[in-house]
Amino acid sequence: MKKITLIIAVVAFSAMAGYAQKFAYVDTEYILSNIPSYKAAQTELEKQSTEWQQEVEGLFQEIDKMYREYQAEKVLLTQEMRSKREEEIINKERAAKQLQNDYFGQEGLLFKKREEKIKPIQDEIYNALKEISNESGYAIVFDTSGGPVILFTNPRYDISDEVLIRLGYKN
């Protein structure tokens, strides 16, 4: 069984060696950092995120204050009044968590805004990269900005500047 697997591997490798593949790589972080509209979109998203975060934190501070006041007055309140105050605190906390989720959740406003502002730029990059790959005959184009997946790259095969030029930007 091992011999058959080895033979298949050798045959597959030999077949692939006969068809030389062209490879290239890009650094999408580098490309994005050279696109002014991306920088503007990032700044706008960060500003909006900060505003929403402050709003949510303000609500949680109010809840904390309500809880501390409740704890201080708890011994003086009737059972009915305690239940009412506890319910107010719980309802306010639920509303704050819901608002936080509406802003920052998986389908929240920040996600939607990011998709609205950033996705068109990413699509432009992808389309330019696709055109360059088709014209130059690249079989595979790697992205080096994704992390330590690629340990070494020869700058000769970096087509990031070519993508920027295709998009109408200069380094």
N, C-alpha and C. Protein backbone atom coordinates (compact mmCIF):
# COMPACT_ATOMS: atom_id res chain seq x y z
N MET A 1 0.82 -1.19 0.00
CA MET A 1 0.00 0.00 0.00
C MET A 1 0.87 1.26 0.00
N LYS A 2 1.96 1.23 0.80
CA LYS A 2 2.87 2.38 0.86
C LYS A 2 3.55 2.61 -0.49
N LYS A 3 3.88 1.51 -1.19
CA LYS A 3 4.53 1.63 -2.49
C LYS A 3 3.60 2.29 -3.50
N ILE A 4 2.32 1.95 -3.45
CA ILE A 4 1.35 2.54 -4.39
C ILE A 4 1.22 4.04 -4.12
N THR A 5 1.13 4.41 -2.85
CA THR A 5 1.03 5.83 -2.48
C THR A 5 2.28 6.57 -2.94
N LEU A 6 3.44 6.00 -2.74
CA LEU A 6 4.70 6.62 -3.15
C LEU A 6 4.75 6.77 -4.67
N ILE A 7 4.33 5.75 -5.39
CA ILE A 7 4.33 5.81 -6.86
C ILE A 7 3.38 6.91 -7.35
N ILE A 8 2.19 6.99 -6.75
CA ILE A 8 1.23 8.03 -7.13
C ILE A 8 1.81 9.42 -6.86
N ALA A 9 2.47 9.59 -5.72
CA ALA A 9 3.07 10.88 -5.37
C ALA A 9 4.16 11.25 -6.36
N VAL A 10 5.01 10.30 -6.72
CA VAL A 10 6.09 10.56 -7.67
C VAL A 10 5.52 10.92 -9.04
N VAL A 11 4.50 10.21 -9.49
CA VAL A 11 3.89 10.48 -10.78
C VAL A 11 3.24 11.87 -10.78
N ALA A 12 2.53 12.19 -9.70
CA ALA A 12 1.87 13.50 -9.60
C ALA A 12 2.90 14.62 -9.60
N PHE A 13 3.99 14.44 -8.85
CA PHE A 13 5.04 15.45 -8.80
C PHE A 13 5.69 15.63 -10.16
N SER A 14 5.93 14.54 -10.83
CA SER A 14 6.55 14.60 -12.15
C SER A 14 5.64 15.32 -13.14
N ALA A 15 4.35 15.07 -13.06
CA ALA A 15 3.40 15.73 -13.95
C ALA A 15 3.36 17.22 -13.68
N MET A 16 3.40 17.58 -12.42
CA MET A 16 3.37 19.00 -12.06
C MET A 16 4.66 19.70 -12.49
N ALA A 17 5.78 19.00 -12.42
CA ALA A 17 7.05 19.59 -12.80
C ALA A 17 7.06 19.94 -14.28
N GLY A 18 6.33 19.17 -15.06
CA GLY A 18 6.25 19.42 -16.50
C GLY A 18 5.48 20.68 -16.83
N TYR A 19 4.60 21.09 -15.98
CA TYR A 19 3.80 22.30 -16.17
C TYR A 19 4.24 23.35 -15.17
N ALA A 20 5.20 24.15 -15.55
CA ALA A 20 5.72 25.17 -14.65
C ALA A 20 4.63 26.19 -14.33
N GLN A 21 4.43 26.45 -13.09
CA GLN A 21 3.42 27.39 -12.62
C GLN A 21 4.11 28.70 -12.25
N LYS A 22 3.43 29.82 -12.51
CA LYS A 22 3.97 31.12 -12.11
C LYS A 22 3.28 31.55 -10.83
N PHE A 23 4.07 32.05 -9.89
CA PHE A 23 3.56 32.49 -8.61
C PHE A 23 3.94 33.94 -8.38
N ALA A 24 3.15 34.62 -7.58
CA ALA A 24 3.46 35.99 -7.18
C ALA A 24 2.85 36.20 -5.80
N TYR A 25 3.16 37.34 -5.21
CA TYR A 25 2.54 37.65 -3.94
C TYR A 25 2.28 39.14 -3.85
N VAL A 26 1.37 39.49 -2.97
CA VAL A 26 1.05 40.88 -2.69
C VAL A 26 0.99 41.06 -1.19
N ASP A 27 1.06 42.30 -0.77
CA ASP A 27 0.87 42.66 0.63
C ASP A 27 -0.33 43.59 0.67
N THR A 28 -1.49 43.05 1.01
CA THR A 28 -2.71 43.86 0.95
C THR A 28 -2.69 45.00 1.97
N GLU A 29 -2.02 44.82 3.10
CA GLU A 29 -1.91 45.93 4.06
C GLU A 29 -1.14 47.09 3.43
N TYR A 30 -0.07 46.78 2.73
CA TYR A 30 0.71 47.80 2.04
C TYR A 30 -0.13 48.50 0.98
N ILE A 31 -0.87 47.71 0.21
CA ILE A 31 -1.72 48.28 -0.84
C ILE A 31 -2.76 49.21 -0.21
N LEU A 32 -3.45 48.71 0.80
CA LEU A 32 -4.50 49.51 1.46
C LEU A 32 -3.93 50.79 2.08
N SER A 33 -2.74 50.70 2.65
CA SER A 33 -2.15 51.88 3.28
C SER A 33 -1.78 52.96 2.27
N ASN A 34 -1.73 52.61 0.99
CA ASN A 34 -1.42 53.58 -0.05
C ASN A 34 -2.66 54.06 -0.80
N ILE A 35 -3.83 53.73 -0.30
CA ILE A 35 -5.08 54.17 -0.92
C ILE A 35 -5.75 55.18 0.01
N PRO A 36 -5.80 56.45 -0.38
CA PRO A 36 -6.35 57.49 0.49
C PRO A 36 -7.81 57.24 0.91
N SER A 37 -8.63 56.72 0.04
CA SER A 37 -10.03 56.48 0.39
C SER A 37 -10.15 55.42 1.48
N TYR A 38 -9.22 54.47 1.51
CA TYR A 38 -9.23 53.46 2.57
C TYR A 38 -8.87 54.11 3.91
N LYS A 39 -7.85 54.96 3.89
CA LYS A 39 -7.45 55.65 5.12
C LYS A 39 -8.59 56.50 5.65
N ALA A 40 -9.28 57.21 4.76
CA ALA A 40 -10.41 58.05 5.15
C ALA A 40 -11.54 57.20 5.74
N ALA A 41 -11.81 56.08 5.12
CA ALA A 41 -12.87 55.19 5.61
C ALA A 41 -12.50 54.63 6.99
N GLN A 42 -11.25 54.24 7.17
CA GLN A 42 -10.80 53.73 8.46
C GLN A 42 -10.94 54.80 9.55
N THR A 43 -10.55 56.03 9.24
CA THR A 43 -10.66 57.13 10.20
C THR A 43 -12.11 57.36 10.58
N GLU A 44 -12.98 57.36 9.59
CA GLU A 44 -14.41 57.57 9.84
C GLU A 44 -14.98 56.44 10.71
N LEU A 45 -14.61 55.21 10.42
CA LEU A 45 -15.10 54.07 11.19
C LEU A 45 -14.59 54.12 12.63
N GLU A 46 -13.34 54.49 12.81
CA GLU A 46 -12.78 54.60 14.16
C GLU A 46 -13.48 55.69 14.96
N LYS A 47 -13.76 56.82 14.32
CA LYS A 47 -14.46 57.92 14.99
C LYS A 47 -15.86 57.47 15.42
N GLN A 48 -16.59 56.83 14.51
CA GLN A 48 -17.94 56.37 14.82
C GLN A 48 -17.92 55.33 15.92
N SER A 49 -16.97 54.41 15.86
CA SER A 49 -16.84 53.37 16.87
C SER A 49 -16.58 53.96 18.25
N THR A 50 -15.71 54.98 18.30
CA THR A 50 -15.41 55.63 19.56
C THR A 50 -16.66 56.31 20.14
N GLU A 51 -17.43 56.99 19.29
CA GLU A 51 -18.66 57.64 19.75
C GLU A 51 -19.63 56.63 20.32
N TRP A 52 -19.83 55.53 19.60
CA TRP A 52 -20.76 54.51 20.07
C TRP A 52 -20.26 53.87 21.36
N GLN A 53 -18.95 53.64 21.45
CA GLN A 53 -18.38 53.03 22.65
C GLN A 53 -18.60 53.93 23.85
N GLN A 54 -18.42 55.24 23.69
CA GLN A 54 -18.65 56.18 24.78
C GLN A 54 -20.11 56.18 25.20
N GLU A 55 -21.01 56.10 24.23
CA GLU A 55 -22.45 56.05 24.54
C GLU A 55 -22.78 54.82 25.37
N VAL A 56 -22.26 53.66 24.97
CA VAL A 56 -22.53 52.42 25.68
C VAL A 56 -21.91 52.46 27.08
N GLU A 57 -20.68 52.95 27.18
CA GLU A 57 -20.03 53.04 28.48
C GLU A 57 -20.80 53.97 29.41
N GLY A 58 -21.34 55.07 28.85
CA GLY A 58 -22.16 55.99 29.65
C GLY A 58 -23.38 55.28 30.23
N LEU A 59 -24.02 54.45 29.44
CA LEU A 59 -25.18 53.69 29.93
C LEU A 59 -24.77 52.74 31.05
N PHE A 60 -23.66 52.05 30.89
CA PHE A 60 -23.22 51.12 31.93
C PHE A 60 -22.80 51.87 33.20
N GLN A 61 -22.28 53.07 33.07
CA GLN A 61 -21.97 53.88 34.25
C GLN A 61 -23.25 54.28 34.99
N GLU A 62 -24.30 54.63 34.23
CA GLU A 62 -25.60 54.95 34.83
C GLU A 62 -26.15 53.73 35.58
N ILE A 63 -26.02 52.57 34.98
CA ILE A 63 -26.50 51.34 35.60
C ILE A 63 -25.73 51.08 36.89
N ASP A 64 -24.43 51.27 36.84
CA ASP A 64 -23.59 51.07 38.02
C ASP A 64 -24.00 52.03 39.14
N LYS A 65 -24.26 53.27 38.77
CA LYS A 65 -24.70 54.27 39.76
C LYS A 65 -26.05 53.87 40.35
N MET A 66 -26.98 53.44 39.49
CA MET A 66 -28.29 52.99 39.97
C MET A 66 -28.13 51.82 40.95
N TYR A 67 -27.25 50.90 40.63
CA TYR A 67 -27.05 49.74 41.49
C TYR A 67 -26.45 50.15 42.84
N ARG A 68 -25.45 51.04 42.83
CA ARG A 68 -24.84 51.50 44.08
C ARG A 68 -25.87 52.22 44.96
N GLU A 69 -26.69 53.06 44.32
CA GLU A 69 -27.74 53.76 45.08
C GLU A 69 -28.74 52.76 45.65
N TYR A 70 -29.09 51.78 44.87
CA TYR A 70 -30.02 50.74 45.33
C TYR A 70 -29.43 50.00 46.53
N GLN A 71 -28.15 49.64 46.45
CA GLN A 71 -27.50 48.93 47.56
C GLN A 71 -27.50 49.77 48.84
N ALA A 72 -27.29 51.07 48.68
CA ALA A 72 -27.26 51.97 49.85
C ALA A 72 -28.64 52.12 50.48
N GLU A 73 -29.68 52.09 49.67
CA GLU A 73 -31.04 52.32 50.16
C GLU A 73 -31.82 51.03 50.39
N LYS A 74 -31.24 49.93 50.06
CA LYS A 74 -31.94 48.64 50.06
C LYS A 74 -32.62 48.33 51.40
N VAL A 75 -31.94 48.58 52.50
CA VAL A 75 -32.48 48.25 53.82
C VAL A 75 -33.70 49.10 54.18
N LEU A 76 -33.84 50.28 53.57
CA LEU A 76 -34.95 51.18 53.86
C LEU A 76 -36.17 50.94 52.98
N LEU A 77 -36.03 50.13 51.95
CA LEU A 77 -37.10 49.92 50.97
C LEU A 77 -37.96 48.72 51.35
N THR A 78 -39.21 48.81 50.96
CA THR A 78 -40.11 47.67 51.13
C THR A 78 -39.77 46.64 50.07
N GLN A 79 -40.29 45.43 50.25
CA GLN A 79 -40.03 44.36 49.29
C GLN A 79 -40.52 44.75 47.89
N GLU A 80 -41.68 45.39 47.83
CA GLU A 80 -42.23 45.81 46.54
C GLU A 80 -41.33 46.85 45.87
N MET A 81 -40.83 47.81 46.66
CA MET A 81 -39.95 48.85 46.12
C MET A 81 -38.61 48.24 45.67
N ARG A 82 -38.10 47.27 46.45
CA ARG A 82 -36.85 46.60 46.06
C ARG A 82 -37.03 45.89 44.72
N SER A 83 -38.11 45.16 44.59
CA SER A 83 -38.38 44.43 43.34
C SER A 83 -38.48 45.38 42.16
N LYS A 84 -39.15 46.50 42.39
CA LYS A 84 -39.31 47.49 41.32
C LYS A 84 -37.95 48.06 40.89
N ARG A 85 -37.11 48.42 41.86
CA ARG A 85 -35.78 48.99 41.54
C ARG A 85 -34.89 47.96 40.86
N GLU A 86 -34.94 46.71 41.35
CA GLU A 86 -34.14 45.65 40.73
C GLU A 86 -34.56 45.45 39.28
N GLU A 87 -35.86 45.48 39.04
CA GLU A 87 -36.37 45.32 37.68
C GLU A 87 -35.93 46.47 36.79
N GLU A 88 -35.92 47.69 37.32
CA GLU A 88 -35.46 48.86 36.55
C GLU A 88 -33.99 48.69 36.16
N ILE A 89 -33.20 48.25 37.11
CA ILE A 89 -31.76 48.06 36.85
C ILE A 89 -31.56 46.98 35.79
N ILE A 90 -32.27 45.87 35.95
CA ILE A 90 -32.14 44.75 35.00
C ILE A 90 -32.58 45.18 33.61
N ASN A 91 -33.70 45.90 33.52
CA ASN A 91 -34.19 46.36 32.21
C ASN A 91 -33.22 47.33 31.55
N LYS A 92 -32.66 48.22 32.35
CA LYS A 92 -31.70 49.18 31.80
C LYS A 92 -30.43 48.45 31.32
N GLU A 93 -30.02 47.44 32.07
CA GLU A 93 -28.84 46.67 31.67
C GLU A 93 -29.11 45.89 30.37
N ARG A 94 -30.29 45.32 30.25
CA ARG A 94 -30.66 44.62 29.02
C ARG A 94 -30.64 45.57 27.83
N ALA A 95 -31.21 46.77 28.03
CA ALA A 95 -31.24 47.76 26.95
C ALA A 95 -29.83 48.16 26.55
N ALA A 96 -28.94 48.34 27.53
CA ALA A 96 -27.55 48.72 27.23
C ALA A 96 -26.84 47.60 26.47
N LYS A 97 -27.05 46.36 26.87
CA LYS A 97 -26.43 45.24 26.17
C LYS A 97 -26.98 45.11 24.76
N GLN A 98 -28.28 45.37 24.60
CA GLN A 98 -28.89 45.31 23.27
C GLN A 98 -28.30 46.40 22.37
N LEU A 99 -28.15 47.60 22.93
CA LEU A 99 -27.56 48.70 22.16
C LEU A 99 -26.12 48.36 21.76
N GLN A 100 -25.38 47.79 22.70
CA GLN A 100 -24.00 47.38 22.42
C GLN A 100 -23.97 46.36 21.29
N ASN A 101 -24.88 45.41 21.32
CA ASN A 101 -24.97 44.41 20.26
C ASN A 101 -25.40 45.04 18.94
N ASP A 102 -26.32 46.01 19.00
CA ASP A 102 -26.77 46.68 17.78
C ASP A 102 -25.63 47.44 17.10
N TYR A 103 -24.73 47.99 17.92
CA TYR A 103 -23.59 48.73 17.37
C TYR A 103 -22.45 47.81 16.96
N PHE A 104 -22.08 46.87 17.85
CA PHE A 104 -20.84 46.12 17.67
C PHE A 104 -21.02 44.63 17.42
N GLY A 105 -22.23 44.14 17.34
CA GLY A 105 -22.48 42.71 17.13
C GLY A 105 -22.10 42.27 15.72
N GLN A 106 -22.25 40.98 15.46
CA GLN A 106 -21.88 40.42 14.16
C GLN A 106 -22.65 41.05 13.01
N GLU A 107 -23.88 41.41 13.25
CA GLU A 107 -24.69 42.07 12.22
C GLU A 107 -24.97 43.52 12.63
N GLY A 108 -24.09 44.08 13.46
CA GLY A 108 -24.30 45.42 13.98
C GLY A 108 -23.99 46.52 12.98
N LEU A 109 -24.25 47.74 13.42
CA LEU A 109 -24.07 48.90 12.55
C LEU A 109 -22.61 49.09 12.14
N LEU A 110 -21.67 48.81 13.04
CA LEU A 110 -20.25 48.97 12.70
C LEU A 110 -19.86 47.99 11.60
N PHE A 111 -20.32 46.76 11.71
CA PHE A 111 -20.05 45.75 10.67
C PHE A 111 -20.62 46.20 9.32
N LYS A 112 -21.84 46.70 9.35
CA LYS A 112 -22.49 47.14 8.11
C LYS A 112 -21.78 48.35 7.51
N LYS A 113 -21.39 49.29 8.37
CA LYS A 113 -20.66 50.47 7.88
C LYS A 113 -19.31 50.06 7.29
N ARG A 114 -18.63 49.14 7.97
CA ARG A 114 -17.33 48.67 7.47
C ARG A 114 -17.50 48.01 6.12
N GLU A 115 -18.53 47.21 5.99
CA GLU A 115 -18.78 46.54 4.72
C GLU A 115 -19.11 47.56 3.63
N GLU A 116 -19.87 48.58 3.98
CA GLU A 116 -20.25 49.61 3.02
C GLU A 116 -19.05 50.44 2.56
N LYS A 117 -18.13 50.73 3.47
CA LYS A 117 -17.00 51.61 3.15
C LYS A 117 -15.78 50.85 2.62
N ILE A 118 -15.49 49.69 3.18
CA ILE A 118 -14.23 48.98 2.89
C ILE A 118 -14.38 47.95 1.77
N LYS A 119 -15.51 47.26 1.72
CA LYS A 119 -15.68 46.19 0.74
C LYS A 119 -15.49 46.66 -0.71
N PRO A 120 -16.02 47.82 -1.12
CA PRO A 120 -15.78 48.26 -2.50
C PRO A 120 -14.28 48.44 -2.81
N ILE A 121 -13.51 48.90 -1.85
CA ILE A 121 -12.07 49.07 -2.05
C ILE A 121 -11.41 47.71 -2.19
N GLN A 122 -11.80 46.77 -1.33
CA GLN A 122 -11.25 45.41 -1.42
C GLN A 122 -11.63 44.75 -2.75
N ASP A 123 -12.84 45.01 -3.20
CA ASP A 123 -13.26 44.45 -4.49
C ASP A 123 -12.44 45.02 -5.64
N GLU A 124 -12.13 46.31 -5.59
CA GLU A 124 -11.27 46.92 -6.62
C GLU A 124 -9.90 46.26 -6.64
N ILE A 125 -9.35 46.04 -5.46
CA ILE A 125 -8.03 45.40 -5.36
C ILE A 125 -8.11 43.99 -5.95
N TYR A 126 -9.14 43.26 -5.57
CA TYR A 126 -9.29 41.90 -6.08
C TYR A 126 -9.40 41.89 -7.60
N ASN A 127 -10.20 42.78 -8.15
CA ASN A 127 -10.38 42.82 -9.61
C ASN A 127 -9.08 43.19 -10.32
N ALA A 128 -8.34 44.15 -9.79
CA ALA A 128 -7.05 44.52 -10.38
C ALA A 128 -6.08 43.35 -10.30
N LEU A 129 -6.07 42.68 -9.16
CA LEU A 129 -5.20 41.53 -8.98
C LEU A 129 -5.56 40.40 -9.93
N LYS A 130 -6.85 40.21 -10.15
CA LYS A 130 -7.32 39.19 -11.07
C LYS A 130 -6.90 39.51 -12.50
N GLU A 131 -7.02 40.77 -12.90
CA GLU A 131 -6.60 41.18 -14.24
C GLU A 131 -5.11 40.96 -14.44
N ILE A 132 -4.32 41.41 -13.47
CA ILE A 132 -2.86 41.26 -13.55
C ILE A 132 -2.50 39.77 -13.61
N SER A 133 -3.15 38.96 -12.80
CA SER A 133 -2.87 37.52 -12.78
C SER A 133 -3.19 36.88 -14.12
N ASN A 134 -4.33 37.25 -14.69
CA ASN A 134 -4.71 36.70 -15.99
C ASN A 134 -3.75 37.15 -17.09
N GLU A 135 -3.37 38.42 -17.08
CA GLU A 135 -2.46 38.94 -18.12
C GLU A 135 -1.06 38.35 -18.00
N SER A 136 -0.60 38.17 -16.76
CA SER A 136 0.77 37.70 -16.54
C SER A 136 0.87 36.18 -16.41
N GLY A 137 -0.26 35.52 -16.35
CA GLY A 137 -0.26 34.06 -16.28
C GLY A 137 0.10 33.49 -14.92
N TYR A 138 -0.22 34.21 -13.85
CA TYR A 138 0.06 33.69 -12.51
C TYR A 138 -0.97 32.64 -12.14
N ALA A 139 -0.49 31.51 -11.68
CA ALA A 139 -1.39 30.44 -11.24
C ALA A 139 -1.90 30.73 -9.84
N ILE A 140 -1.03 31.25 -9.00
CA ILE A 140 -1.37 31.52 -7.61
C ILE A 140 -0.75 32.84 -7.20
N VAL A 141 -1.51 33.65 -6.46
CA VAL A 141 -0.99 34.88 -5.87
C VAL A 141 -1.24 34.79 -4.37
N PHE A 142 -0.18 34.87 -3.59
CA PHE A 142 -0.27 34.79 -2.13
C PHE A 142 -0.38 36.19 -1.55
N ASP A 143 -0.97 36.27 -0.36
CA ASP A 143 -1.05 37.53 0.39
C ASP A 143 -0.15 37.40 1.61
N THR A 144 0.88 38.22 1.69
CA THR A 144 1.84 38.13 2.80
C THR A 144 1.39 38.89 4.04
N SER A 145 0.31 39.65 3.95
CA SER A 145 -0.11 40.44 5.11
C SER A 145 -0.93 39.63 6.09
N GLY A 146 -1.34 38.42 5.74
CA GLY A 146 -2.21 37.62 6.58
C GLY A 146 -1.55 37.02 7.80
N GLY A 147 -0.26 37.12 7.93
CA GLY A 147 0.41 36.54 9.07
C GLY A 147 1.62 35.73 8.64
N PRO A 148 2.14 34.97 9.57
CA PRO A 148 3.39 34.25 9.31
C PRO A 148 3.21 32.95 8.54
N VAL A 149 2.37 32.97 7.51
CA VAL A 149 2.15 31.77 6.71
C VAL A 149 3.31 31.58 5.73
N ILE A 150 3.78 32.66 5.17
CA ILE A 150 4.90 32.59 4.22
C ILE A 150 6.15 33.06 4.96
N LEU A 151 7.14 32.22 5.02
CA LEU A 151 8.34 32.52 5.80
C LEU A 151 9.36 33.35 5.03
N PHE A 152 9.41 33.22 3.73
CA PHE A 152 10.35 33.99 2.93
C PHE A 152 9.72 34.28 1.58
N THR A 153 9.96 35.50 1.11
CA THR A 153 9.51 35.86 -0.23
C THR A 153 10.61 36.65 -0.92
N ASN A 154 10.77 36.41 -2.17
CA ASN A 154 11.72 37.16 -2.98
C ASN A 154 10.99 38.41 -3.48
N PRO A 155 11.51 39.60 -3.20
CA PRO A 155 10.84 40.85 -3.62
C PRO A 155 10.58 40.92 -5.12
N ARG A 156 11.31 40.13 -5.89
CA ARG A 156 11.13 40.11 -7.33
C ARG A 156 9.71 39.68 -7.73
N TYR A 157 9.08 38.88 -6.88
CA TYR A 157 7.75 38.36 -7.19
C TYR A 157 6.63 39.14 -6.52
N ASP A 158 6.97 40.26 -5.88
CA ASP A 158 5.96 41.11 -5.22
C ASP A 158 5.31 42.01 -6.27
N ILE A 159 4.03 41.84 -6.47
CA ILE A 159 3.31 42.64 -7.48
C ILE A 159 2.39 43.68 -6.82
N SER A 160 2.65 44.01 -5.56
CA SER A 160 1.81 44.98 -4.84
C SER A 160 1.80 46.34 -5.54
N ASP A 161 2.97 46.83 -5.94
CA ASP A 161 3.03 48.12 -6.63
C ASP A 161 2.31 48.08 -7.97
N GLU A 162 2.37 46.95 -8.63
CA GLU A 162 1.66 46.80 -9.90
C GLU A 162 0.14 46.90 -9.69
N VAL A 163 -0.34 46.34 -8.59
CA VAL A 163 -1.77 46.44 -8.26
C VAL A 163 -2.14 47.89 -7.99
N LEU A 164 -1.29 48.60 -7.22
CA LEU A 164 -1.55 50.01 -6.93
C LEU A 164 -1.60 50.84 -8.21
N ILE A 165 -0.65 50.59 -9.10
CA ILE A 165 -0.63 51.32 -10.38
C ILE A 165 -1.89 51.02 -11.18
N ARG A 166 -2.31 49.77 -11.19
CA ARG A 166 -3.53 49.37 -11.92
C ARG A 166 -4.75 50.11 -11.33
N LEU A 167 -4.73 50.36 -10.02
CA LEU A 167 -5.83 51.07 -9.37
C LEU A 167 -5.73 52.59 -9.53
N GLY A 168 -4.60 53.05 -10.07
CA GLY A 168 -4.44 54.48 -10.29
C GLY A 168 -3.71 55.22 -9.18
N TYR A 169 -2.98 54.49 -8.33
CA TYR A 169 -2.24 55.10 -7.22
C TYR A 169 -0.76 54.89 -7.43
N LYS A 170 0.03 55.82 -6.87
CA LYS A 170 1.48 55.70 -6.94
C LYS A 170 2.01 55.44 -5.55
N ASN A 171 3.14 54.75 -5.48
CA ASN A 171 3.79 54.52 -4.21
C ASN A 171 4.45 55.80 -3.76
